[in-house]
Amino acid sequence: MNRPTKRWKISPMDLESRKHWADYSRAKDEMFAKTDIKVAPWYVVNSEDKKASRLNVIRHLLSMISYKDLTPEQMVLPPIVKAEYVRPPFQQQNFIPVVYR
């Protein structure tokens, strides 16, 4: 509630749901207990740090997939053949504005 950028996202439903936090938590725990099976397990993500959470989920999912490293062998690129070519003026091209550097 101290961060104005987050407050705009809070709806009346969000405020009402706080009254039922324990009920939601209990229902979630019951659902996990009844549906968490070896062939289709539930995974819980600690999401206090959103960036780290996303990276941990991606790493976890990728660790569950077997793969063969298909990185190509290192190679030597042939030299660029320079032909006589003049690019059109920049003013005639449509560029995306540079916002981030």
PDB file of N, CA and C in Angstrom:
ATOM      1  N   MET A   1       0.817  -1.195   0.000  1.00  0.00           N
ATOM      2  CA  MET A   1       0.000   0.000   0.000  1.00  0.00           C
ATOM      3  C   MET A   1       0.863   1.262   0.000  1.00  0.00           C
ATOM      4  N   ASN A   2       2.148   1.119   0.264  1.00  0.00           N
ATOM      5  CA  ASN A   2       3.032   2.288   0.304  1.00  0.00           C
ATOM      6  C   ASN A   2       3.528   2.694  -1.073  1.00  0.00           C
ATOM      7  N   ARG A   3       3.346   1.845  -2.066  1.00  0.00           N
ATOM      8  CA  ARG A   3       3.848   2.135  -3.403  1.00  0.00           C
ATOM      9  C   ARG A   3       2.699   2.553  -4.314  1.00  0.00           C
ATOM     10  N   PRO A   4       2.658   3.823  -4.729  1.00  0.00           N
ATOM     11  CA  PRO A   4       1.555   4.308  -5.577  1.00  0.00           C
ATOM     12  C   PRO A   4       1.412   3.532  -6.881  1.00  0.00           C
ATOM     13  N   THR A   5       2.516   3.036  -7.429  1.00  0.00           N
ATOM     14  CA  THR A   5       2.439   2.311  -8.698  1.00  0.00           C
ATOM     15  C   THR A   5       1.724   0.983  -8.549  1.00  0.00           C
ATOM     16  N   LYS A   6       1.647   0.453  -7.351  1.00  0.00           N
ATOM     17  CA  LYS A   6       0.942  -0.807  -7.116  1.00  0.00           C
ATOM     18  C   LYS A   6      -0.516  -0.580  -6.702  1.00  0.00           C
ATOM     19  N   ARG A   7      -0.795   0.540  -6.046  1.00  0.00           N
ATOM     20  CA  ARG A   7      -2.149   0.793  -5.525  1.00  0.00           C
ATOM     21  C   ARG A   7      -3.199   0.868  -6.625  1.00  0.00           C
ATOM     22  N   TRP A   8      -2.854   1.354  -7.786  1.00  0.00           N
ATOM     23  CA  TRP A   8      -3.864   1.509  -8.840  1.00  0.00           C
ATOM     24  C   TRP A   8      -4.424   0.169  -9.285  1.00  0.00           C
ATOM     25  N   LYS A   9      -3.704  -0.924  -9.011  1.00  0.00           N
ATOM     26  CA  LYS A   9      -4.157  -2.246  -9.437  1.00  0.00           C
ATOM     27  C   LYS A   9      -5.148  -2.884  -8.464  1.00  0.00           C
ATOM     28  N   ILE A  10      -5.300  -2.313  -7.271  1.00  0.00           N
ATOM     29  CA  ILE A  10      -6.153  -2.932  -6.256  1.00  0.00           C
ATOM     30  C   ILE A  10      -7.621  -2.611  -6.542  1.00  0.00           C
ATOM     31  N   SER A  11      -8.410  -3.667  -6.673  1.00  0.00           N
ATOM     32  CA  SER A  11      -9.841  -3.504  -6.969  1.00  0.00           C
ATOM     33  C   SER A  11     -10.658  -3.760  -5.701  1.00  0.00           C
ATOM     34  N   PRO A  12     -11.937  -3.422  -5.728  1.00  0.00           N
ATOM     35  CA  PRO A  12     -12.801  -3.751  -4.582  1.00  0.00           C
ATOM     36  C   PRO A  12     -12.810  -5.256  -4.289  1.00  0.00           C
ATOM     37  N   MET A  13     -12.713  -6.075  -5.341  1.00  0.00           N
ATOM     38  CA  MET A  13     -12.681  -7.526  -5.130  1.00  0.00           C
ATOM     39  C   MET A  13     -11.413  -7.928  -4.371  1.00  0.00           C
ATOM     40  N   ASP A  14     -10.293  -7.282  -4.672  1.00  0.00           N
ATOM     41  CA  ASP A  14      -9.056  -7.570  -3.955  1.00  0.00           C
ATOM     42  C   ASP A  14      -9.211  -7.269  -2.465  1.00  0.00           C
ATOM     43  N   LEU A  15      -9.847  -6.149  -2.180  1.00  0.00           N
ATOM     44  CA  LEU A  15     -10.045  -5.765  -0.781  1.00  0.00           C
ATOM     45  C   LEU A  15     -10.965  -6.764  -0.071  1.00  0.00           C
ATOM     46  N   GLU A  16     -12.019  -7.185  -0.740  1.00  0.00           N
ATOM     47  CA  GLU A  16     -12.959  -8.157  -0.159  1.00  0.00           C
ATOM     48  C   GLU A  16     -12.275  -9.510   0.051  1.00  0.00           C
ATOM     49  N   SER A  17     -11.416  -9.895  -0.860  1.00  0.00           N
ATOM     50  CA  SER A  17     -10.776 -11.214  -0.777  1.00  0.00           C
ATOM     51  C   SER A  17      -9.872 -11.350   0.449  1.00  0.00           C
ATOM     52  N   ARG A  18      -9.397 -10.239   0.955  1.00  0.00           N
ATOM     53  CA  ARG A  18      -8.534 -10.294   2.140  1.00  0.00           C
ATOM     54  C   ARG A  18      -9.277 -10.877   3.345  1.00  0.00           C
ATOM     55  N   LYS A  19     -10.597 -10.722   3.369  1.00  0.00           N
ATOM     56  CA  LYS A  19     -11.399 -11.291   4.458  1.00  0.00           C
ATOM     57  C   LYS A  19     -11.404 -12.819   4.406  1.00  0.00           C
ATOM     58  N   HIS A  20     -11.146 -13.374   3.214  1.00  0.00           N
ATOM     59  CA  HIS A  20     -11.251 -14.818   3.007  1.00  0.00           C
ATOM     60  C   HIS A  20      -9.885 -15.474   2.781  1.00  0.00           C
ATOM     61  N   TRP A  21      -8.824 -14.799   3.162  1.00  0.00           N
ATOM     62  CA  TRP A  21      -7.460 -15.293   2.907  1.00  0.00           C
ATOM     63  C   TRP A  21      -7.256 -16.699   3.481  1.00  0.00           C
ATOM     64  N   ALA A  22      -7.663 -16.902   4.705  1.00  0.00           N
ATOM     65  CA  ALA A  22      -7.478 -18.217   5.344  1.00  0.00           C
ATOM     66  C   ALA A  22      -8.306 -19.285   4.626  1.00  0.00           C
ATOM     67  N   ASP A  23      -9.524 -18.929   4.201  1.00  0.00           N
ATOM     68  CA  ASP A  23     -10.366 -19.893   3.481  1.00  0.00           C
ATOM     69  C   ASP A  23      -9.717 -20.297   2.164  1.00  0.00           C
ATOM     70  N   TYR A  24      -9.182 -19.314   1.428  1.00  0.00           N
ATOM     71  CA  TYR A  24      -8.511 -19.610   0.151  1.00  0.00           C
ATOM     72  C   TYR A  24      -7.288 -20.488   0.388  1.00  0.00           C
ATOM     73  N   SER A  25      -6.524 -20.160   1.419  1.00  0.00           N
ATOM     74  CA  SER A  25      -5.311 -20.942   1.721  1.00  0.00           C
ATOM     75  C   SER A  25      -5.673 -22.377   2.084  1.00  0.00           C
ATOM     76  N   ARG A  26      -6.703 -22.551   2.889  1.00  0.00           N
ATOM     77  CA  ARG A  26      -7.143 -23.889   3.285  1.00  0.00           C
ATOM     78  C   ARG A  26      -7.602 -24.674   2.052  1.00  0.00           C
ATOM     79  N   ALA A  27      -8.382 -24.052   1.184  1.00  0.00           N
ATOM     80  CA  ALA A  27      -8.873 -24.727  -0.028  1.00  0.00           C
ATOM     81  C   ALA A  27      -7.707 -25.118  -0.933  1.00  0.00           C
ATOM     82  N   LYS A  28      -6.731 -24.233  -1.060  1.00  0.00           N
ATOM     83  CA  LYS A  28      -5.545 -24.550  -1.885  1.00  0.00           C
ATOM     84  C   LYS A  28      -4.807 -25.742  -1.312  1.00  0.00           C
ATOM     85  N   ASP A  29      -4.594 -25.748   0.011  1.00  0.00           N
ATOM     86  CA  ASP A  29      -3.867 -26.841   0.641  1.00  0.00           C
ATOM     87  C   ASP A  29      -4.613 -28.168   0.502  1.00  0.00           C
ATOM     88  N   GLU A  30      -5.930 -28.135   0.618  1.00  0.00           N
ATOM     89  CA  GLU A  30      -6.730 -29.350   0.435  1.00  0.00           C
ATOM     90  C   GLU A  30      -6.637 -29.843  -1.004  1.00  0.00           C
ATOM     91  N   MET A  31      -6.706 -28.910  -1.960  1.00  0.00           N
ATOM     92  CA  MET A  31      -6.596 -29.282  -3.367  1.00  0.00           C
ATOM     93  C   MET A  31      -5.242 -29.928  -3.648  1.00  0.00           C
ATOM     94  N   PHE A  32      -4.168 -29.317  -3.120  1.00  0.00           N
ATOM     95  CA  PHE A  32      -2.830 -29.885  -3.322  1.00  0.00           C
ATOM     96  C   PHE A  32      -2.757 -31.286  -2.721  1.00  0.00           C
ATOM     97  N   ALA A  33      -3.292 -31.456  -1.513  1.00  0.00           N
ATOM     98  CA  ALA A  33      -3.228 -32.759  -0.837  1.00  0.00           C
ATOM     99  C   ALA A  33      -3.945 -33.839  -1.638  1.00  0.00           C
ATOM    100  N   LYS A  34      -5.037 -33.480  -2.306  1.00  0.00           N
ATOM    101  CA  LYS A  34      -5.831 -34.474  -3.034  1.00  0.00           C
ATOM    102  C   LYS A  34      -5.373 -34.680  -4.481  1.00  0.00           C
ATOM    103  N   THR A  35      -4.674 -33.713  -5.045  1.00  0.00           N
ATOM    104  CA  THR A  35      -4.344 -33.811  -6.475  1.00  0.00           C
ATOM    105  C   THR A  35      -2.845 -33.863  -6.768  1.00  0.00           C
ATOM    106  N   ASP A  36      -2.004 -33.748  -5.762  1.00  0.00           N
ATOM    107  CA  ASP A  36      -0.556 -33.812  -5.973  1.00  0.00           C
ATOM    108  C   ASP A  36      -0.139 -35.278  -6.029  1.00  0.00           C
ATOM    109  N   ILE A  37       0.063 -35.776  -7.242  1.00  0.00           N
ATOM    110  CA  ILE A  37       0.435 -37.181  -7.412  1.00  0.00           C
ATOM    111  C   ILE A  37       1.790 -37.263  -8.106  1.00  0.00           C
ATOM    112  N   LYS A  38       2.431 -38.411  -8.001  1.00  0.00           N
ATOM    113  CA  LYS A  38       3.792 -38.569  -8.507  1.00  0.00           C
ATOM    114  C   LYS A  38       3.904 -38.260 -10.001  1.00  0.00           C
ATOM    115  N   VAL A  39       2.930 -38.688 -10.796  1.00  0.00           N
ATOM    116  CA  VAL A  39       3.003 -38.470 -12.242  1.00  0.00           C
ATOM    117  C   VAL A  39       2.618 -37.054 -12.653  1.00  0.00           C
ATOM    118  N   ALA A  40       1.940 -36.324 -11.757  1.00  0.00           N
ATOM    119  CA  ALA A  40       1.531 -34.949 -12.055  1.00  0.00           C
ATOM    120  C   ALA A  40       1.630 -34.113 -10.777  1.00  0.00           C
ATOM    121  N   PRO A  41       2.874 -33.828 -10.354  1.00  0.00           N
ATOM    122  CA  PRO A  41       3.027 -33.114  -9.089  1.00  0.00           C
ATOM    123  C   PRO A  41       2.765 -31.613  -9.216  1.00  0.00           C
ATOM    124  N   TRP A  42       2.375 -31.029  -8.094  1.00  0.00           N
ATOM    125  CA  TRP A  42       2.279 -29.581  -7.988  1.00  0.00           C
ATOM    126  C   TRP A  42       3.646 -29.075  -7.551  1.00  0.00           C
ATOM    127  N   TYR A  43       4.059 -27.929  -8.066  1.00  0.00           N
ATOM    128  CA  TYR A  43       5.273 -27.271  -7.612  1.00  0.00           C
ATOM    129  C   TYR A  43       4.895 -25.883  -7.120  1.00  0.00           C
ATOM    130  N   VAL A  44       5.397 -25.534  -5.954  1.00  0.00           N
ATOM    131  CA  VAL A  44       5.117 -24.237  -5.357  1.00  0.00           C
ATOM    132  C   VAL A  44       6.323 -23.340  -5.602  1.00  0.00           C
ATOM    133  N   VAL A  45       6.068 -22.098  -5.971  1.00  0.00           N
ATOM    134  CA  VAL A  45       7.139 -21.149  -6.268  1.00  0.00           C
ATOM    135  C   VAL A  45       7.135 -20.046  -5.215  1.00  0.00           C
ATOM    136  N   ASN A  46       8.271 -19.889  -4.533  1.00  0.00           N
ATOM    137  CA  ASN A  46       8.418 -18.762  -3.621  1.00  0.00           C
ATOM    138  C   ASN A  46       8.627 -17.538  -4.493  1.00  0.00           C
ATOM    139  N   SER A  47       7.674 -16.606  -4.436  1.00  0.00           N
ATOM    140  CA  SER A  47       7.709 -15.500  -5.395  1.00  0.00           C
ATOM    141  C   SER A  47       7.893 -14.139  -4.745  1.00  0.00           C
ATOM    142  N   GLU A  48       8.624 -14.085  -3.658  1.00  0.00           N
ATOM    143  CA  GLU A  48       8.915 -12.788  -3.057  1.00  0.00           C
ATOM    144  C   GLU A  48       9.761 -11.944  -3.999  1.00  0.00           C
ATOM    145  N   ASP A  49      10.704 -12.583  -4.675  1.00  0.00           N
ATOM    146  CA  ASP A  49      11.559 -11.916  -5.653  1.00  0.00           C
ATOM    147  C   ASP A  49      11.106 -12.405  -7.030  1.00  0.00           C
ATOM    148  N   LYS A  50      10.327 -11.580  -7.739  1.00  0.00           N
ATOM    149  CA  LYS A  50       9.682 -12.012  -8.988  1.00  0.00           C
ATOM    150  C   LYS A  50      10.691 -12.434 -10.052  1.00  0.00           C
ATOM    151  N   LYS A  51      11.754 -11.668 -10.218  1.00  0.00           N
ATOM    152  CA  LYS A  51      12.738 -12.004 -11.259  1.00  0.00           C
ATOM    153  C   LYS A  51      13.400 -13.347 -10.951  1.00  0.00           C
ATOM    154  N   ALA A  52      13.835 -13.535  -9.709  1.00  0.00           N
ATOM    155  CA  ALA A  52      14.463 -14.795  -9.326  1.00  0.00           C
ATOM    156  C   ALA A  52      13.471 -15.947  -9.456  1.00  0.00           C
ATOM    157  N   SER A  53      12.208 -15.708  -9.104  1.00  0.00           N
ATOM    158  CA  SER A  53      11.184 -16.752  -9.210  1.00  0.00           C
ATOM    159  C   SER A  53      11.022 -17.212 -10.646  1.00  0.00           C
ATOM    160  N   ARG A  54      10.934 -16.260 -11.560  1.00  0.00           N
ATOM    161  CA  ARG A  54      10.776 -16.622 -12.979  1.00  0.00           C
ATOM    162  C   ARG A  54      11.965 -17.440 -13.464  1.00  0.00           C
ATOM    163  N   LEU A  55      13.161 -16.997 -13.107  1.00  0.00           N
ATOM    164  CA  LEU A  55      14.362 -17.721 -13.526  1.00  0.00           C
ATOM    165  C   LEU A  55      14.397 -19.129 -12.922  1.00  0.00           C
ATOM    166  N   ASN A  56      13.994 -19.262 -11.656  1.00  0.00           N
ATOM    167  CA  ASN A  56      13.976 -20.576 -11.016  1.00  0.00           C
ATOM    168  C   ASN A  56      12.967 -21.504 -11.684  1.00  0.00           C
ATOM    169  N   VAL A  57      11.810 -20.972 -12.053  1.00  0.00           N
ATOM    170  CA  VAL A  57      10.800 -21.795 -12.733  1.00  0.00           C
ATOM    171  C   VAL A  57      11.316 -22.239 -14.096  1.00  0.00           C
ATOM    172  N   ILE A  58      11.893 -21.320 -14.857  1.00  0.00           N
ATOM    173  CA  ILE A  58      12.430 -21.676 -16.177  1.00  0.00           C
ATOM    174  C   ILE A  58      13.505 -22.747 -16.039  1.00  0.00           C
ATOM    175  N   ARG A  59      14.419 -22.547 -15.083  1.00  0.00           N
ATOM    176  CA  ARG A  59      15.490 -23.527 -14.876  1.00  0.00           C
ATOM    177  C   ARG A  59      14.914 -24.884 -14.488  1.00  0.00           C
ATOM    178  N   HIS A  60      13.929 -24.878 -13.594  1.00  0.00           N
ATOM    179  CA  HIS A  60      13.312 -26.135 -13.157  1.00  0.00           C
ATOM    180  C   HIS A  60      12.649 -26.855 -14.333  1.00  0.00           C
ATOM    181  N   LEU A  61      11.856 -26.118 -15.116  1.00  0.00           N
ATOM    182  CA  LEU A  61      11.181 -26.744 -16.253  1.00  0.00           C
ATOM    183  C   LEU A  61      12.173 -27.297 -17.270  1.00  0.00           C
ATOM    184  N   LEU A  62      13.202 -26.520 -17.563  1.00  0.00           N
ATOM    185  CA  LEU A  62      14.200 -26.993 -18.526  1.00  0.00           C
ATOM    186  C   LEU A  62      14.969 -28.204 -17.993  1.00  0.00           C
ATOM    187  N   SER A  63      15.159 -28.270 -16.671  1.00  0.00           N
ATOM    188  CA  SER A  63      15.881 -29.415 -16.096  1.00  0.00           C
ATOM    189  C   SER A  63      15.087 -30.706 -16.231  1.00  0.00           C
ATOM    190  N   MET A  64      13.801 -30.604 -16.464  1.00  0.00           N
ATOM    191  CA  MET A  64      12.951 -31.785 -16.583  1.00  0.00           C
ATOM    192  C   MET A  64      12.883 -32.324 -18.013  1.00  0.00           C
ATOM    193  N   ILE A  65      13.511 -31.610 -18.937  1.00  0.00           N
ATOM    194  CA  ILE A  65      13.481 -32.017 -20.339  1.00  0.00           C
ATOM    195  C   ILE A  65      14.868 -32.520 -20.727  1.00  0.00           C
ATOM    196  N   SER A  66      14.925 -33.760 -21.210  1.00  0.00           N
ATOM    197  CA  SER A  66      16.222 -34.262 -21.664  1.00  0.00           C
ATOM    198  C   SER A  66      16.517 -33.660 -23.044  1.00  0.00           C
ATOM    199  N   TYR A  67      17.758 -33.323 -23.252  1.00  0.00           N
ATOM    200  CA  TYR A  67      18.128 -32.719 -24.523  1.00  0.00           C
ATOM    201  C   TYR A  67      19.559 -33.080 -24.872  1.00  0.00           C
ATOM    202  N   LYS A  68      19.882 -32.953 -26.124  1.00  0.00           N
ATOM    203  CA  LYS A  68      21.234 -33.185 -26.613  1.00  0.00           C
ATOM    204  C   LYS A  68      21.783 -31.830 -27.029  1.00  0.00           C
ATOM    205  N   ASP A  69      22.988 -31.541 -26.609  1.00  0.00           N
ATOM    206  CA  ASP A  69      23.604 -30.257 -26.959  1.00  0.00           C
ATOM    207  C   ASP A  69      23.872 -30.237 -28.465  1.00  0.00           C
ATOM    208  N   LEU A  70      23.231 -29.320 -29.155  1.00  0.00           N
ATOM    209  CA  LEU A  70      23.372 -29.218 -30.608  1.00  0.00           C
ATOM    210  C   LEU A  70      24.155 -27.972 -31.027  1.00  0.00           C
ATOM    211  N   THR A  71      24.979 -27.463 -30.108  1.00  0.00           N
ATOM    212  CA  THR A  71      25.777 -26.290 -30.436  1.00  0.00           C
ATOM    213  C   THR A  71      26.702 -26.643 -31.600  1.00  0.00           C
ATOM    214  N   PRO A  72      26.675 -25.862 -32.675  1.00  0.00           N
ATOM    215  CA  PRO A  72      27.538 -26.179 -33.822  1.00  0.00           C
ATOM    216  C   PRO A  72      29.016 -26.006 -33.462  1.00  0.00           C
ATOM    217  N   GLU A  73      29.840 -26.745 -34.165  1.00  0.00           N
ATOM    218  CA  GLU A  73      31.288 -26.613 -33.987  1.00  0.00           C
ATOM    219  C   GLU A  73      31.706 -25.196 -34.349  1.00  0.00           C
ATOM    220  N   GLN A  74      32.797 -24.752 -33.724  1.00  0.00           N
ATOM    221  CA  GLN A  74      33.305 -23.420 -34.042  1.00  0.00           C
ATOM    222  C   GLN A  74      33.771 -23.402 -35.500  1.00  0.00           C
ATOM    223  N   MET A  75      33.554 -22.285 -36.164  1.00  0.00           N
ATOM    224  CA  MET A  75      33.912 -22.207 -37.580  1.00  0.00           C
ATOM    225  C   MET A  75      34.564 -20.868 -37.884  1.00  0.00           C
ATOM    226  N   VAL A  76      35.240 -20.836 -38.982  1.00  0.00           N
ATOM    227  CA  VAL A  76      35.852 -19.598 -39.459  1.00  0.00           C
ATOM    228  C   VAL A  76      34.958 -19.060 -40.568  1.00  0.00           C
ATOM    229  N   LEU A  77      34.526 -17.831 -40.407  1.00  0.00           N
ATOM    230  CA  LEU A  77      33.669 -17.234 -41.424  1.00  0.00           C
ATOM    231  C   LEU A  77      34.505 -16.743 -42.599  1.00  0.00           C
ATOM    232  N   PRO A  78      33.990 -16.924 -43.793  1.00  0.00           N
ATOM    233  CA  PRO A  78      34.713 -16.394 -44.948  1.00  0.00           C
ATOM    234  C   PRO A  78      34.632 -14.866 -44.936  1.00  0.00           C
ATOM    235  N   PRO A  79      35.587 -14.213 -45.581  1.00  0.00           N
ATOM    236  CA  PRO A  79      35.541 -12.749 -45.596  1.00  0.00           C
ATOM    237  C   PRO A  79      34.307 -12.239 -46.342  1.00  0.00           C
ATOM    238  N   ILE A  80      33.862 -11.059 -45.968  1.00  0.00           N
ATOM    239  CA  ILE A  80      32.727 -10.426 -46.638  1.00  0.00           C
ATOM    240  C   ILE A  80      33.209  -9.893 -47.980  1.00  0.00           C
ATOM    241  N   VAL A  81      32.441 -10.201 -49.014  1.00  0.00           N
ATOM    242  CA  VAL A  81      32.772  -9.695 -50.340  1.00  0.00           C
ATOM    243  C   VAL A  81      32.177  -8.306 -50.455  1.00  0.00           C
ATOM    244  N   LYS A  82      33.039  -7.326 -50.591  1.00  0.00           N
ATOM    245  CA  LYS A  82      32.572  -5.940 -50.658  1.00  0.00           C
ATOM    246  C   LYS A  82      32.345  -5.556 -52.110  1.00  0.00           C
ATOM    247  N   ALA A  83      31.104  -5.346 -52.433  1.00  0.00           N
ATOM    248  CA  ALA A  83      30.768  -4.887 -53.778  1.00  0.00           C
ATOM    249  C   ALA A  83      30.544  -3.386 -53.704  1.00  0.00           C
ATOM    250  N   GLU A  84      30.522  -2.754 -54.834  1.00  0.00           N
ATOM    251  CA  GLU A  84      30.263  -1.318 -54.836  1.00  0.00           C
ATOM    252  C   GLU A  84      28.775  -1.111 -54.616  1.00  0.00           C
ATOM    253  N   TYR A  85      28.460  -0.644 -53.434  1.00  0.00           N
ATOM    254  CA  TYR A  85      27.063  -0.446 -53.049  1.00  0.00           C
ATOM    255  C   TYR A  85      27.005   0.765 -52.141  1.00  0.00           C
ATOM    256  N   VAL A  86      26.025   1.605 -52.383  1.00  0.00           N
ATOM    257  CA  VAL A  86      25.818   2.774 -51.541  1.00  0.00           C
ATOM    258  C   VAL A  86      24.434   2.648 -50.937  1.00  0.00           C
ATOM    259  N   ARG A  87      24.397   2.666 -49.618  1.00  0.00           N
ATOM    260  CA  ARG A  87      23.107   2.559 -48.931  1.00  0.00           C
ATOM    261  C   ARG A  87      22.302   3.826 -49.139  1.00  0.00           C
ATOM    262  N   PRO A  88      20.965   3.714 -49.120  1.00  0.00           N
ATOM    263  CA  PRO A  88      20.135   4.921 -49.254  1.00  0.00           C
ATOM    264  C   PRO A  88      20.314   5.807 -48.019  1.00  0.00           C
ATOM    265  N   PRO A  89      20.036   7.081 -48.139  1.00  0.00           N
ATOM    266  CA  PRO A  89      20.172   7.982 -46.996  1.00  0.00           C
ATOM    267  C   PRO A  89      19.273   7.550 -45.837  1.00  0.00           C
ATOM    268  N   PHE A  90      19.750   7.766 -44.619  1.00  0.00           N
ATOM    269  CA  PHE A  90      18.994   7.401 -43.429  1.00  0.00           C
ATOM    270  C   PHE A  90      17.629   8.068 -43.415  1.00  0.00           C
ATOM    271  N   GLN A  91      17.530   9.253 -43.919  1.00  0.00           N
ATOM    272  CA  GLN A  91      16.270   9.994 -43.886  1.00  0.00           C
ATOM    273  C   GLN A  91      15.172   9.291 -44.678  1.00  0.00           C
ATOM    274  N   GLN A  92      15.548   8.420 -45.595  1.00  0.00           N
ATOM    275  CA  GLN A  92      14.566   7.702 -46.410  1.00  0.00           C
ATOM    276  C   GLN A  92      14.133   6.381 -45.769  1.00  0.00           C
ATOM    277  N   GLN A  93      14.663   6.079 -44.593  1.00  0.00           N
ATOM    278  CA  GLN A  93      14.348   4.818 -43.930  1.00  0.00           C
ATOM    279  C   GLN A  93      13.541   5.091 -42.660  1.00  0.00           C
ATOM    280  N   ASN A  94      12.733   4.130 -42.295  1.00  0.00           N
ATOM    281  CA  ASN A  94      11.926   4.239 -41.080  1.00  0.00           C
ATOM    282  C   ASN A  94      12.632   3.505 -39.949  1.00  0.00           C
ATOM    283  N   PHE A  95      13.055   4.252 -38.945  1.00  0.00           N
ATOM    284  CA  PHE A  95      13.742   3.663 -37.810  1.00  0.00           C
ATOM    285  C   PHE A  95      12.842   3.644 -36.586  1.00  0.00           C
ATOM    286  N   ILE A  96      12.989   2.622 -35.785  1.00  0.00           N
ATOM    287  CA  ILE A  96      12.312   2.554 -34.498  1.00  0.00           C
ATOM    288  C   ILE A  96      13.021   3.522 -33.570  1.00  0.00           C
ATOM    289  N   PRO A  97      12.276   4.336 -32.817  1.00  0.00           N
ATOM    290  CA  PRO A  97      12.925   5.297 -31.907  1.00  0.00           C
ATOM    291  C   PRO A  97      13.761   4.574 -30.848  1.00  0.00           C
ATOM    292  N   VAL A  98      14.915   5.134 -30.562  1.00  0.00           N
ATOM    293  CA  VAL A  98      15.787   4.574 -29.518  1.00  0.00           C
ATOM    294  C   VAL A  98      15.341   5.151 -28.186  1.00  0.00           C
ATOM    295  N   VAL A  99      14.845   4.275 -27.315  1.00  0.00           N
ATOM    296  CA  VAL A  99      14.394   4.686 -25.989  1.00  0.00           C
ATOM    297  C   VAL A  99      15.356   4.152 -24.938  1.00  0.00           C
ATOM    298  N   TYR A 100      15.780   2.905 -25.087  1.00  0.00           N
ATOM    299  CA  TYR A 100      16.656   2.262 -24.114  1.00  0.00           C
ATOM    300  C   TYR A 100      18.050   2.117 -24.697  1.00  0.00           C
ATOM    301  N   ARG A 101      19.015   2.397 -23.874  1.00  0.00           N
ATOM    302  CA  ARG A 101      20.429   2.233 -24.299  1.00  0.00           C
ATOM    303  C   ARG A 101      21.147   1.373 -23.312  1.00  0.00           C
TER     304      ARG A 101
END
